[in-house]
């Protein structure tokens, strides 16, 4: 939304920049944490599990946003991405709703009443903290949040029932930062969202991707212009190559070295081809460089046979990469194979 809804029948909270998470407490000995997509991240959120165990409840389902804060106490999404893979005690949960409590289904109770119940079970100095509603006029609240460079606010109807998925009872108003970048190209695959490949205007260094929110006509016009101006990638734009004249970020460049990936702030990922596993794991580039040398090819045919899946132990392992600041996602093996083979 461009602006938050007004009126006394709405409550407004700060939109935390983190991962949506639900803590499911079946008993003090059986606590799980799940992501928005249903992935079980209990092992990644050990600190939250221990904090949930301290709550004086028999069972509950708590909805919230897992965040890592910086020195100023503000959510730091980049730090969260790193902590998920390295520090299970770094996360704090901003708890904003509760679905079940001590055997009672609360989803048909109004939002404000549910939040009062949630507040009643919170503990001081805990990694699970109550996400406070902000008093005052909605426009004034959003102005202050925007000035603080937070992500935005979430407005909820005070009497609304809890329902999964998109709903007009929960509305997001996001803050926006306007900046200029150099457009290197567009990543586009059939059936998938289009992403712009962006670089620093001064140095041409690759910075990452941004989701293109333009309408279809504008997207087609943008892609047409990119194709018309296609040329060789900048020397320092690690991760860019061309497939049939079009910028494509997932193609494996045989000339890359381990040092070029490190210099380009890229993450080398090993992924399992086993259809029952599909596990992926970031490799220790510095450790591999120490063994093979900085000029060793990043996609070395000598390296791949030595790899095995950390989860299932299988040896059908491939390599790909992502920018180091991007959230690690499950690799699309079919797209990887097509790109590697130049199709």
C-alpha atoms as a PDB file:
ATOM      1  CA  UNK A   1       0.000   0.000   0.000  1.00  0.00           C
ATOM      2  CA  UNK A   2       1.093   3.570  -0.655  1.00  0.00           C
ATOM      3  CA  UNK A   3      -0.204   4.738   2.725  1.00  0.00           C
ATOM      4  CA  UNK A   4      -1.528   2.977   5.847  1.00  0.00           C
ATOM      5  CA  UNK A   5      -5.263   2.771   6.604  1.00  0.00           C
ATOM      6  CA  UNK A   6      -6.645   5.245   9.134  1.00  0.00           C
ATOM      7  CA  UNK A   7      -9.267   4.852  11.825  1.00  0.00           C
ATOM      8  CA  UNK A   8      -9.539   3.482  15.333  1.00  0.00           C
ATOM      9  CA  UNK A   9     -10.318  -0.049  14.173  1.00  0.00           C
ATOM     10  CA  UNK A  10      -6.716  -0.660  13.071  1.00  0.00           C
ATOM     11  CA  UNK A  11      -3.579  -1.453  15.053  1.00  0.00           C
ATOM     12  CA  UNK A  12      -0.138  -0.724  13.598  1.00  0.00           C
ATOM     13  CA  UNK A  13       3.139  -2.550  14.187  1.00  0.00           C
ATOM     14  CA  UNK A  14       6.650  -2.090  12.842  1.00  0.00           C
ATOM     15  CA  UNK A  15       7.291  -4.445   9.924  1.00  0.00           C
ATOM     16  CA  UNK A  16      10.371  -6.374  11.003  1.00  0.00           C
ATOM     17  CA  UNK A  17      12.942  -7.241   8.336  1.00  0.00           C
ATOM     18  CA  UNK A  18      13.446 -10.938   8.988  1.00  0.00           C
ATOM     19  CA  UNK A  19      12.087 -14.435   8.358  1.00  0.00           C
ATOM     20  CA  UNK A  20       8.443 -15.197   9.149  1.00  0.00           C
ATOM     21  CA  UNK A  21       8.492 -18.055  11.655  1.00  0.00           C
ATOM     22  CA  UNK A  22       6.059 -20.058  13.775  1.00  0.00           C
ATOM     23  CA  UNK A  23       7.032 -21.693  17.046  1.00  0.00           C
ATOM     24  CA  UNK A  24       4.989 -24.828  17.709  1.00  0.00           C
ATOM     25  CA  UNK A  25       5.075 -25.887  21.364  1.00  0.00           C
ATOM     26  CA  UNK A  26       3.593 -29.356  21.753  1.00  0.00           C
ATOM     27  CA  UNK A  27       5.205 -29.735  25.180  1.00  0.00           C
ATOM     28  CA  UNK A  28       8.348 -28.373  26.852  1.00  0.00           C
ATOM     29  CA  UNK A  29      10.202 -31.372  25.413  1.00  0.00           C
ATOM     30  CA  UNK A  30       8.684 -31.083  21.917  1.00  0.00           C
ATOM     31  CA  UNK A  31       9.178 -27.642  20.372  1.00  0.00           C
ATOM     32  CA  UNK A  32       9.606 -27.015  16.650  1.00  0.00           C
ATOM     33  CA  UNK A  33      10.155 -23.865  14.593  1.00  0.00           C
ATOM     34  CA  UNK A  34       8.868 -23.629  11.023  1.00  0.00           C
ATOM     35  CA  UNK A  35       9.359 -21.105   8.229  1.00  0.00           C
ATOM     36  CA  UNK A  36       6.601 -19.534   6.148  1.00  0.00           C
ATOM     37  CA  UNK A  37       6.964 -22.334   3.602  1.00  0.00           C
ATOM     38  CA  UNK A  38       6.783 -25.066   6.235  1.00  0.00           C
ATOM     39  CA  UNK A  39      10.491 -25.888   6.399  1.00  0.00           C
ATOM     40  CA  UNK A  40      11.618 -27.172   9.802  1.00  0.00           C
ATOM     41  CA  UNK A  41      14.343 -24.798  11.009  1.00  0.00           C
ATOM     42  CA  UNK A  42      14.373 -25.972  14.624  1.00  0.00           C
ATOM     43  CA  UNK A  43      18.094 -26.701  14.514  1.00  0.00           C
ATOM     44  CA  UNK A  44      18.806 -23.216  13.158  1.00  0.00           C
ATOM     45  CA  UNK A  45      16.811 -21.525  15.945  1.00  0.00           C
ATOM     46  CA  UNK A  46      18.170 -23.238  19.062  1.00  0.00           C
ATOM     47  CA  UNK A  47      17.995 -20.010  21.076  1.00  0.00           C
ATOM     48  CA  UNK A  48      14.316 -19.518  20.243  1.00  0.00           C
ATOM     49  CA  UNK A  49      13.534 -23.126  21.173  1.00  0.00           C
ATOM     50  CA  UNK A  50      15.157 -22.651  24.580  1.00  0.00           C
ATOM     51  CA  UNK A  51      13.288 -19.375  25.087  1.00  0.00           C
ATOM     52  CA  UNK A  52       9.991 -21.067  24.181  1.00  0.00           C
ATOM     53  CA  UNK A  53      10.712 -23.760  26.749  1.00  0.00           C
ATOM     54  CA  UNK A  54      10.738 -21.046  29.446  1.00  0.00           C
ATOM     55  CA  UNK A  55       7.201 -19.922  28.642  1.00  0.00           C
ATOM     56  CA  UNK A  56       4.689 -21.175  31.182  1.00  0.00           C
ATOM     57  CA  UNK A  57       2.383 -22.889  28.690  1.00  0.00           C
ATOM     58  CA  UNK A  58       1.354 -26.484  28.085  1.00  0.00           C
ATOM     59  CA  UNK A  59       1.205 -25.976  24.323  1.00  0.00           C
ATOM     60  CA  UNK A  60       0.956 -23.072  21.892  1.00  0.00           C
ATOM     61  CA  UNK A  61       1.576 -21.867  18.340  1.00  0.00           C
ATOM     62  CA  UNK A  62       3.229 -18.441  18.208  1.00  0.00           C
ATOM     63  CA  UNK A  63       3.552 -16.434  14.998  1.00  0.00           C
ATOM     64  CA  UNK A  64       6.301 -13.894  14.520  1.00  0.00           C
ATOM     65  CA  UNK A  65       9.356 -12.641  12.662  1.00  0.00           C
ATOM     66  CA  UNK A  66      12.858 -13.936  13.410  1.00  0.00           C
ATOM     67  CA  UNK A  67      15.432 -11.149  13.256  1.00  0.00           C
ATOM     68  CA  UNK A  68      19.041 -10.363  14.108  1.00  0.00           C
ATOM     69  CA  UNK A  69      19.704  -6.842  15.335  1.00  0.00           C
ATOM     70  CA  UNK A  70      22.681  -4.561  14.751  1.00  0.00           C
ATOM     71  CA  UNK A  71      24.499  -2.370  17.250  1.00  0.00           C
ATOM     72  CA  UNK A  72      21.686   0.184  17.070  1.00  0.00           C
ATOM     73  CA  UNK A  73      19.113  -2.487  17.940  1.00  0.00           C
ATOM     74  CA  UNK A  74      17.565  -2.438  14.450  1.00  0.00           C
ATOM     75  CA  UNK A  75      16.871  -5.542  12.331  1.00  0.00           C
ATOM     76  CA  UNK A  76      19.828  -6.451  10.107  1.00  0.00           C
ATOM     77  CA  UNK A  77      18.710  -8.816   7.355  1.00  0.00           C
ATOM     78  CA  UNK A  78      22.223  -9.495   6.037  1.00  0.00           C
ATOM     79  CA  UNK A  79      23.334 -10.489   9.547  1.00  0.00           C
ATOM     80  CA  UNK A  80      20.288 -12.745   9.829  1.00  0.00           C
ATOM     81  CA  UNK A  81      21.167 -14.529   6.592  1.00  0.00           C
ATOM     82  CA  UNK A  82      24.636 -15.291   7.922  1.00  0.00           C
ATOM     83  CA  UNK A  83      23.437 -16.272  11.402  1.00  0.00           C
ATOM     84  CA  UNK A  84      20.959 -18.820  10.024  1.00  0.00           C
ATOM     85  CA  UNK A  85      23.931 -20.846   8.786  1.00  0.00           C
ATOM     86  CA  UNK A  86      26.372 -20.153  11.616  1.00  0.00           C
ATOM     87  CA  UNK A  87      24.809 -19.005  14.914  1.00  0.00           C
ATOM     88  CA  UNK A  88      21.558 -20.623  16.150  1.00  0.00           C
ATOM     89  CA  UNK A  89      21.564 -18.311  19.196  1.00  0.00           C
ATOM     90  CA  UNK A  90      21.676 -15.000  17.303  1.00  0.00           C
ATOM     91  CA  UNK A  91      17.974 -14.763  16.470  1.00  0.00           C
ATOM     92  CA  UNK A  92      15.226 -12.896  18.315  1.00  0.00           C
ATOM     93  CA  UNK A  93      11.565 -13.521  17.571  1.00  0.00           C
ATOM     94  CA  UNK A  94       9.291 -10.517  17.306  1.00  0.00           C
ATOM     95  CA  UNK A  95       6.086 -12.329  18.351  1.00  0.00           C
ATOM     96  CA  UNK A  96       2.957 -10.680  16.972  1.00  0.00           C
ATOM     97  CA  UNK A  97       0.216 -13.317  17.118  1.00  0.00           C
ATOM     98  CA  UNK A  98      -0.839 -16.565  18.745  1.00  0.00           C
ATOM     99  CA  UNK A  99      -2.987 -19.234  17.078  1.00  0.00           C
ATOM    100  CA  UNK A 100      -3.321 -21.854  19.817  1.00  0.00           C
ATOM    101  CA  UNK A 101      -2.826 -21.760  23.573  1.00  0.00           C
ATOM    102  CA  UNK A 102      -3.141 -24.588  26.111  1.00  0.00           C
ATOM    103  CA  UNK A 103      -5.437 -26.664  23.940  1.00  0.00           C
ATOM    104  CA  UNK A 104      -7.609 -23.747  22.750  1.00  0.00           C
ATOM    105  CA  UNK A 105      -7.888 -22.671  19.111  1.00  0.00           C
ATOM    106  CA  UNK A 106      -7.699 -18.853  19.141  1.00  0.00           C
ATOM    107  CA  UNK A 107      -7.940 -18.184  15.419  1.00  0.00           C
ATOM    108  CA  UNK A 108     -11.582 -17.068  15.515  1.00  0.00           C
ATOM    109  CA  UNK A 109     -10.911 -14.573  18.301  1.00  0.00           C
ATOM    110  CA  UNK A 110     -10.234 -10.956  17.319  1.00  0.00           C
ATOM    111  CA  UNK A 111      -6.649  -9.890  16.635  1.00  0.00           C
ATOM    112  CA  UNK A 112      -6.439  -7.431  19.537  1.00  0.00           C
ATOM    113  CA  UNK A 113      -7.722 -10.029  22.018  1.00  0.00           C
ATOM    114  CA  UNK A 114      -5.290 -12.659  20.707  1.00  0.00           C
ATOM    115  CA  UNK A 115      -2.406 -10.249  21.101  1.00  0.00           C
ATOM    116  CA  UNK A 116      -3.422  -9.543  24.700  1.00  0.00           C
ATOM    117  CA  UNK A 117      -3.225 -13.291  25.387  1.00  0.00           C
ATOM    118  CA  UNK A 118       0.153 -13.425  23.685  1.00  0.00           C
ATOM    119  CA  UNK A 119       1.440 -10.524  25.762  1.00  0.00           C
ATOM    120  CA  UNK A 120       0.290 -12.331  28.901  1.00  0.00           C
ATOM    121  CA  UNK A 121       2.679 -15.263  28.364  1.00  0.00           C
ATOM    122  CA  UNK A 122       5.769 -13.209  27.437  1.00  0.00           C
ATOM    123  CA  UNK A 123       8.842 -13.291  29.701  1.00  0.00           C
ATOM    124  CA  UNK A 124      11.227 -10.366  30.300  1.00  0.00           C
ATOM    125  CA  UNK A 125      14.738 -10.518  28.826  1.00  0.00           C
ATOM    126  CA  UNK A 126      13.732 -13.356  26.539  1.00  0.00           C
ATOM    127  CA  UNK A 127      14.700 -14.056  22.932  1.00  0.00           C
ATOM    128  CA  UNK A 128      10.952 -14.098  22.269  1.00  0.00           C
ATOM    129  CA  UNK A 129       9.748 -10.510  22.506  1.00  0.00           C
ATOM    130  CA  UNK A 130       6.283  -9.050  22.036  1.00  0.00           C
ATOM    131  CA  UNK A 131       5.880  -6.911  18.915  1.00  0.00           C
ATOM    132  CA  UNK A 132       4.270  -3.802  20.369  1.00  0.00           C
ATOM    133  CA  UNK A 133       1.532  -1.890  18.557  1.00  0.00           C
ATOM    134  CA  UNK A 134       2.429   1.749  18.047  1.00  0.00           C
ATOM    135  CA  UNK A 135      -0.046   4.350  19.356  1.00  0.00           C
ATOM    136  CA  UNK A 136      -1.119   7.401  17.414  1.00  0.00           C
ATOM    137  CA  UNK A 137      -2.174   8.421  13.917  1.00  0.00           C
ATOM    138  CA  UNK A 138      -1.281   5.926  11.163  1.00  0.00           C
ATOM    139  CA  UNK A 139       0.342   8.560   8.936  1.00  0.00           C
ATOM    140  CA  UNK A 140       2.469   9.872  11.794  1.00  0.00           C
ATOM    141  CA  UNK A 141       3.523   6.323  12.725  1.00  0.00           C
ATOM    142  CA  UNK A 142       4.557   5.552   9.171  1.00  0.00           C
ATOM    143  CA  UNK A 143       6.475   8.825   8.900  1.00  0.00           C
ATOM    144  CA  UNK A 144       8.505   8.001  12.016  1.00  0.00           C
ATOM    145  CA  UNK A 145       9.161   4.434  10.836  1.00  0.00           C
ATOM    146  CA  UNK A 146      10.265   5.710   7.434  1.00  0.00           C
ATOM    147  CA  UNK A 147      12.595   8.285   9.021  1.00  0.00           C
ATOM    148  CA  UNK A 148      14.130   5.518  11.146  1.00  0.00           C
ATOM    149  CA  UNK A 149      14.857   3.620   7.888  1.00  0.00           C
ATOM    150  CA  UNK A 150      12.827   0.611   9.006  1.00  0.00           C
ATOM    151  CA  UNK A 151      11.090  -1.612   6.459  1.00  0.00           C
ATOM    152  CA  UNK A 152       7.585  -0.254   7.033  1.00  0.00           C
ATOM    153  CA  UNK A 153       4.493  -1.022   9.095  1.00  0.00           C
ATOM    154  CA  UNK A 154       1.826  -3.728   9.186  1.00  0.00           C
ATOM    155  CA  UNK A 155      -1.728  -2.588   9.882  1.00  0.00           C
ATOM    156  CA  UNK A 156      -4.248  -5.110  11.236  1.00  0.00           C
ATOM    157  CA  UNK A 157      -7.954  -4.851  11.870  1.00  0.00           C
ATOM    158  CA  UNK A 158      -8.374  -5.052  15.624  1.00  0.00           C
ATOM    159  CA  UNK A 159     -11.313  -7.468  15.428  1.00  0.00           C
ATOM    160  CA  UNK A 160     -10.023  -9.643  12.570  1.00  0.00           C
ATOM    161  CA  UNK A 161      -9.839 -13.426  12.833  1.00  0.00           C
ATOM    162  CA  UNK A 162      -6.581 -15.215  12.046  1.00  0.00           C
ATOM    163  CA  UNK A 163      -6.532 -16.514   8.491  1.00  0.00           C
ATOM    164  CA  UNK A 164      -3.548 -17.860   6.552  1.00  0.00           C
ATOM    165  CA  UNK A 165      -2.566 -16.320   3.238  1.00  0.00           C
ATOM    166  CA  UNK A 166      -3.251 -12.880   1.820  1.00  0.00           C
ATOM    167  CA  UNK A 167      -6.058 -10.939   3.472  1.00  0.00           C
ATOM    168  CA  UNK A 168      -7.375  -7.385   3.446  1.00  0.00           C
ATOM    169  CA  UNK A 169      -7.367  -7.475   7.251  1.00  0.00           C
ATOM    170  CA  UNK A 170      -3.544  -7.320   7.344  1.00  0.00           C
ATOM    171  CA  UNK A 171      -2.050  -4.566   5.171  1.00  0.00           C
ATOM    172  CA  UNK A 172       1.620  -3.743   4.635  1.00  0.00           C
ATOM    173  CA  UNK A 173       2.924  -0.246   3.975  1.00  0.00           C
ATOM    174  CA  UNK A 174       6.582  -0.375   2.996  1.00  0.00           C
ATOM    175  CA  UNK A 175       9.244   2.287   3.163  1.00  0.00           C
ATOM    176  CA  UNK A 176      11.187   2.801  -0.031  1.00  0.00           C
ATOM    177  CA  UNK A 177      14.757   3.905  -0.656  1.00  0.00           C
ATOM    178  CA  UNK A 178      15.339   5.403  -4.089  1.00  0.00           C
ATOM    179  CA  UNK A 179      18.789   4.963  -5.636  1.00  0.00           C
ATOM    180  CA  UNK A 180      20.380   4.613  -9.043  1.00  0.00           C
ATOM    181  CA  UNK A 181      22.250   1.575 -10.344  1.00  0.00           C
ATOM    182  CA  UNK A 182      23.797   0.510 -13.597  1.00  0.00           C
ATOM    183  CA  UNK A 183      21.730  -2.139 -15.376  1.00  0.00           C
ATOM    184  CA  UNK A 184      23.918  -5.033 -16.484  1.00  0.00           C
ATOM    185  CA  UNK A 185      21.117  -7.157 -17.823  1.00  0.00           C
ATOM    186  CA  UNK A 186      17.960  -9.069 -17.042  1.00  0.00           C
ATOM    187  CA  UNK A 187      17.666 -12.612 -15.728  1.00  0.00           C
ATOM    188  CA  UNK A 188      14.544 -14.142 -17.194  1.00  0.00           C
ATOM    189  CA  UNK A 189      13.341 -17.732 -17.485  1.00  0.00           C
ATOM    190  CA  UNK A 190       9.955 -19.011 -18.686  1.00  0.00           C
ATOM    191  CA  UNK A 191       7.470 -19.253 -15.831  1.00  0.00           C
ATOM    192  CA  UNK A 192       9.707 -17.355 -13.399  1.00  0.00           C
ATOM    193  CA  UNK A 193       9.897 -13.767 -12.203  1.00  0.00           C
ATOM    194  CA  UNK A 194      12.268 -11.420 -14.013  1.00  0.00           C
ATOM    195  CA  UNK A 195      15.219  -9.941 -12.116  1.00  0.00           C
ATOM    196  CA  UNK A 196      17.424  -6.992 -12.975  1.00  0.00           C
ATOM    197  CA  UNK A 197      21.177  -7.530 -12.614  1.00  0.00           C
ATOM    198  CA  UNK A 198      22.573  -4.387 -11.010  1.00  0.00           C
ATOM    199  CA  UNK A 199      26.010  -2.839 -10.642  1.00  0.00           C
ATOM    200  CA  UNK A 200      27.557   0.144  -8.926  1.00  0.00           C
ATOM    201  CA  UNK A 201      27.396   3.121 -11.361  1.00  0.00           C
ATOM    202  CA  UNK A 202      30.912   4.237 -10.467  1.00  0.00           C
ATOM    203  CA  UNK A 203      32.837   0.970 -10.575  1.00  0.00           C
ATOM    204  CA  UNK A 204      30.582  -1.335 -12.588  1.00  0.00           C
ATOM    205  CA  UNK A 205      30.956  -3.947  -9.849  1.00  0.00           C
ATOM    206  CA  UNK A 206      28.097  -6.423  -9.672  1.00  0.00           C
ATOM    207  CA  UNK A 207      25.945  -5.767  -6.586  1.00  0.00           C
ATOM    208  CA  UNK A 208      23.071  -8.236  -6.877  1.00  0.00           C
ATOM    209  CA  UNK A 209      19.579  -8.655  -8.265  1.00  0.00           C
ATOM    210  CA  UNK A 210      16.286  -6.842  -7.861  1.00  0.00           C
ATOM    211  CA  UNK A 211      12.797  -8.135  -8.632  1.00  0.00           C
ATOM    212  CA  UNK A 212      11.245  -6.229 -11.543  1.00  0.00           C
ATOM    213  CA  UNK A 213       7.771  -5.016 -10.575  1.00  0.00           C
ATOM    214  CA  UNK A 214       6.931  -3.380 -13.901  1.00  0.00           C
ATOM    215  CA  UNK A 215       3.882  -4.399 -15.907  1.00  0.00           C
ATOM    216  CA  UNK A 216       4.253  -6.946 -18.683  1.00  0.00           C
ATOM    217  CA  UNK A 217       4.529  -4.386 -21.500  1.00  0.00           C
ATOM    218  CA  UNK A 218       7.216  -2.428 -19.679  1.00  0.00           C
ATOM    219  CA  UNK A 219       9.093  -5.635 -18.835  1.00  0.00           C
ATOM    220  CA  UNK A 220       9.097  -6.662 -22.514  1.00  0.00           C
ATOM    221  CA  UNK A 221      10.340  -3.215 -23.549  1.00  0.00           C
ATOM    222  CA  UNK A 222      13.105  -3.370 -20.953  1.00  0.00           C
ATOM    223  CA  UNK A 223      14.193  -6.844 -22.060  1.00  0.00           C
ATOM    224  CA  UNK A 224      14.198  -5.695 -25.700  1.00  0.00           C
ATOM    225  CA  UNK A 225      16.528  -2.813 -24.840  1.00  0.00           C
ATOM    226  CA  UNK A 226      18.826  -5.117 -22.884  1.00  0.00           C
ATOM    227  CA  UNK A 227      19.097  -7.494 -25.828  1.00  0.00           C
ATOM    228  CA  UNK A 228      19.764  -4.622 -28.246  1.00  0.00           C
ATOM    229  CA  UNK A 229      22.640  -3.375 -26.109  1.00  0.00           C
ATOM    230  CA  UNK A 230      24.067  -6.748 -25.098  1.00  0.00           C
ATOM    231  CA  UNK A 231      27.846  -6.840 -24.907  1.00  0.00           C
ATOM    232  CA  UNK A 232      30.652  -8.470 -22.952  1.00  0.00           C
ATOM    233  CA  UNK A 233      30.374  -8.347 -19.137  1.00  0.00           C
ATOM    234  CA  UNK A 234      32.642  -6.029 -17.120  1.00  0.00           C
ATOM    235  CA  UNK A 235      35.912  -7.650 -16.043  1.00  0.00           C
ATOM    236  CA  UNK A 236      35.102  -7.279 -12.339  1.00  0.00           C
ATOM    237  CA  UNK A 237      31.456  -8.370 -12.568  1.00  0.00           C
ATOM    238  CA  UNK A 238      31.969 -11.840 -11.119  1.00  0.00           C
ATOM    239  CA  UNK A 239      29.083 -14.156 -11.865  1.00  0.00           C
ATOM    240  CA  UNK A 240      27.997 -12.725 -15.216  1.00  0.00           C
ATOM    241  CA  UNK A 241      28.233 -14.553 -18.533  1.00  0.00           C
ATOM    242  CA  UNK A 242      26.291 -14.531 -21.775  1.00  0.00           C
ATOM    243  CA  UNK A 243      24.111 -17.253 -23.241  1.00  0.00           C
ATOM    244  CA  UNK A 244      23.234 -16.628 -26.901  1.00  0.00           C
ATOM    245  CA  UNK A 245      23.794 -12.891 -26.470  1.00  0.00           C
ATOM    246  CA  UNK A 246      21.648 -12.514 -23.355  1.00  0.00           C
ATOM    247  CA  UNK A 247      22.928 -11.795 -19.827  1.00  0.00           C
ATOM    248  CA  UNK A 248      22.406 -14.896 -17.695  1.00  0.00           C
ATOM    249  CA  UNK A 249      23.610 -15.219 -14.143  1.00  0.00           C
ATOM    250  CA  UNK A 250      23.405 -18.987 -13.628  1.00  0.00           C
ATOM    251  CA  UNK A 251      25.779 -20.149 -16.369  1.00  0.00           C
ATOM    252  CA  UNK A 252      29.030 -21.688 -15.127  1.00  0.00           C
ATOM    253  CA  UNK A 253      32.074 -19.809 -16.504  1.00  0.00           C
ATOM    254  CA  UNK A 254      34.955 -22.229 -16.915  1.00  0.00           C
ATOM    255  CA  UNK A 255      37.549 -19.490 -16.494  1.00  0.00           C
ATOM    256  CA  UNK A 256      36.576 -18.523 -12.927  1.00  0.00           C
ATOM    257  CA  UNK A 257      39.081 -19.193 -10.191  1.00  0.00           C
ATOM    258  CA  UNK A 258      38.500 -19.617  -6.479  1.00  0.00           C
ATOM    259  CA  UNK A 259      40.076 -16.199  -5.912  1.00  0.00           C
ATOM    260  CA  UNK A 260      37.732 -14.517  -8.421  1.00  0.00           C
ATOM    261  CA  UNK A 261      34.722 -15.885  -6.546  1.00  0.00           C
ATOM    262  CA  UNK A 262      36.135 -14.612  -3.250  1.00  0.00           C
ATOM    263  CA  UNK A 263      36.937 -11.190  -4.720  1.00  0.00           C
ATOM    264  CA  UNK A 264      33.459 -10.984  -6.220  1.00  0.00           C
ATOM    265  CA  UNK A 265      31.881 -11.817  -2.846  1.00  0.00           C
ATOM    266  CA  UNK A 266      30.250 -14.949  -4.217  1.00  0.00           C
ATOM    267  CA  UNK A 267      29.196 -18.112  -2.380  1.00  0.00           C
ATOM    268  CA  UNK A 268      30.097 -21.502  -3.907  1.00  0.00           C
ATOM    269  CA  UNK A 269      27.365 -24.035  -3.218  1.00  0.00           C
ATOM    270  CA  UNK A 270      27.433 -27.802  -3.532  1.00  0.00           C
ATOM    271  CA  UNK A 271      24.029 -29.338  -4.201  1.00  0.00           C
ATOM    272  CA  UNK A 272      22.822 -32.917  -4.210  1.00  0.00           C
ATOM    273  CA  UNK A 273      21.265 -34.420  -7.343  1.00  0.00           C
ATOM    274  CA  UNK A 274      19.447 -37.078  -5.302  1.00  0.00           C
ATOM    275  CA  UNK A 275      15.721 -36.294  -5.870  1.00  0.00           C
ATOM    276  CA  UNK A 276      14.935 -37.466  -2.335  1.00  0.00           C
ATOM    277  CA  UNK A 277      17.457 -35.103  -0.800  1.00  0.00           C
ATOM    278  CA  UNK A 278      18.216 -31.920  -2.824  1.00  0.00           C
ATOM    279  CA  UNK A 279      20.383 -30.669   0.050  1.00  0.00           C
ATOM    280  CA  UNK A 280      22.631 -27.671  -0.635  1.00  0.00           C
ATOM    281  CA  UNK A 281      25.535 -26.374   1.393  1.00  0.00           C
ATOM    282  CA  UNK A 282      27.912 -23.416   1.105  1.00  0.00           C
ATOM    283  CA  UNK A 283      31.539 -24.494   0.761  1.00  0.00           C
ATOM    284  CA  UNK A 284      34.479 -22.968   2.601  1.00  0.00           C
ATOM    285  CA  UNK A 285      36.121 -21.063  -0.256  1.00  0.00           C
ATOM    286  CA  UNK A 286      39.092 -19.950   1.845  1.00  0.00           C
ATOM    287  CA  UNK A 287      39.687 -23.516   3.016  1.00  0.00           C
ATOM    288  CA  UNK A 288      39.517 -24.896  -0.526  1.00  0.00           C
ATOM    289  CA  UNK A 289      41.796 -22.115  -1.771  1.00  0.00           C
ATOM    290  CA  UNK A 290      44.358 -23.027   0.893  1.00  0.00           C
ATOM    291  CA  UNK A 291      44.435 -26.612  -0.425  1.00  0.00           C
ATOM    292  CA  UNK A 292      44.150 -26.043  -4.196  1.00  0.00           C
ATOM    293  CA  UNK A 293      45.605 -22.538  -4.555  1.00  0.00           C
ATOM    294  CA  UNK A 294      43.932 -19.223  -5.516  1.00  0.00           C
ATOM    295  CA  UNK A 295      44.189 -19.902  -9.268  1.00  0.00           C
ATOM    296  CA  UNK A 296      42.407 -23.255  -9.109  1.00  0.00           C
ATOM    297  CA  UNK A 297      39.266 -23.329 -11.286  1.00  0.00           C
ATOM    298  CA  UNK A 298      36.155 -22.721  -9.212  1.00  0.00           C
ATOM    299  CA  UNK A 299      34.256 -25.429 -11.082  1.00  0.00           C
ATOM    300  CA  UNK A 300      37.230 -27.790 -11.090  1.00  0.00           C
ATOM    301  CA  UNK A 301      36.588 -31.279 -12.445  1.00  0.00           C
ATOM    302  CA  UNK A 302      39.124 -32.407  -9.827  1.00  0.00           C
ATOM    303  CA  UNK A 303      37.020 -30.900  -7.013  1.00  0.00           C
ATOM    304  CA  UNK A 304      33.569 -32.284  -7.871  1.00  0.00           C
ATOM    305  CA  UNK A 305      34.484 -36.021  -7.586  1.00  0.00           C
ATOM    306  CA  UNK A 306      35.778 -35.363  -4.045  1.00  0.00           C
ATOM    307  CA  UNK A 307      32.481 -33.914  -2.871  1.00  0.00           C
ATOM    308  CA  UNK A 308      29.702 -35.820  -1.179  1.00  0.00           C
ATOM    309  CA  UNK A 309      26.365 -34.703   0.213  1.00  0.00           C
ATOM    310  CA  UNK A 310      26.549 -33.738   3.879  1.00  0.00           C
ATOM    311  CA  UNK A 311      22.995 -34.983   4.419  1.00  0.00           C
ATOM    312  CA  UNK A 312      22.592 -38.262   2.506  1.00  0.00           C
ATOM    313  CA  UNK A 313      26.262 -39.051   1.823  1.00  0.00           C
ATOM    314  CA  UNK A 314      25.676 -39.385  -1.915  1.00  0.00           C
ATOM    315  CA  UNK A 315      28.381 -38.475  -4.420  1.00  0.00           C
ATOM    316  CA  UNK A 316      26.089 -37.094  -7.133  1.00  0.00           C
ATOM    317  CA  UNK A 317      26.976 -33.507  -6.284  1.00  0.00           C
ATOM    318  CA  UNK A 318      27.069 -30.428  -8.511  1.00  0.00           C
ATOM    319  CA  UNK A 319      28.350 -26.897  -7.992  1.00  0.00           C
ATOM    320  CA  UNK A 320      26.736 -23.517  -8.451  1.00  0.00           C
ATOM    321  CA  UNK A 321      27.021 -20.112  -6.804  1.00  0.00           C
ATOM    322  CA  UNK A 322      25.079 -17.137  -5.482  1.00  0.00           C
ATOM    323  CA  UNK A 323      26.118 -13.662  -4.301  1.00  0.00           C
ATOM    324  CA  UNK A 324      27.316 -13.962  -0.694  1.00  0.00           C
ATOM    325  CA  UNK A 325      24.689 -11.508   0.573  1.00  0.00           C
ATOM    326  CA  UNK A 326      21.767 -13.385  -1.016  1.00  0.00           C
ATOM    327  CA  UNK A 327      19.625 -15.836   0.932  1.00  0.00           C
ATOM    328  CA  UNK A 328      20.631 -19.401   0.031  1.00  0.00           C
ATOM    329  CA  UNK A 329      17.818 -21.030  -1.937  1.00  0.00           C
ATOM    330  CA  UNK A 330      17.224 -24.554  -3.153  1.00  0.00           C
ATOM    331  CA  UNK A 331      18.983 -24.937  -6.476  1.00  0.00           C
ATOM    332  CA  UNK A 332      16.952 -25.613  -9.609  1.00  0.00           C
ATOM    333  CA  UNK A 333      19.005 -28.542 -10.904  1.00  0.00           C
ATOM    334  CA  UNK A 334      17.324 -28.639 -14.324  1.00  0.00           C
ATOM    335  CA  UNK A 335      18.015 -24.940 -14.945  1.00  0.00           C
ATOM    336  CA  UNK A 336      21.611 -25.449 -13.801  1.00  0.00           C
ATOM    337  CA  UNK A 337      22.140 -28.322 -16.221  1.00  0.00           C
ATOM    338  CA  UNK A 338      20.709 -26.360 -19.144  1.00  0.00           C
ATOM    339  CA  UNK A 339      22.921 -23.399 -18.357  1.00  0.00           C
ATOM    340  CA  UNK A 340      26.026 -25.558 -17.927  1.00  0.00           C
ATOM    341  CA  UNK A 341      25.418 -27.253 -21.256  1.00  0.00           C
ATOM    342  CA  UNK A 342      24.701 -23.943 -22.988  1.00  0.00           C
ATOM    343  CA  UNK A 343      21.128 -24.795 -23.911  1.00  0.00           C
END
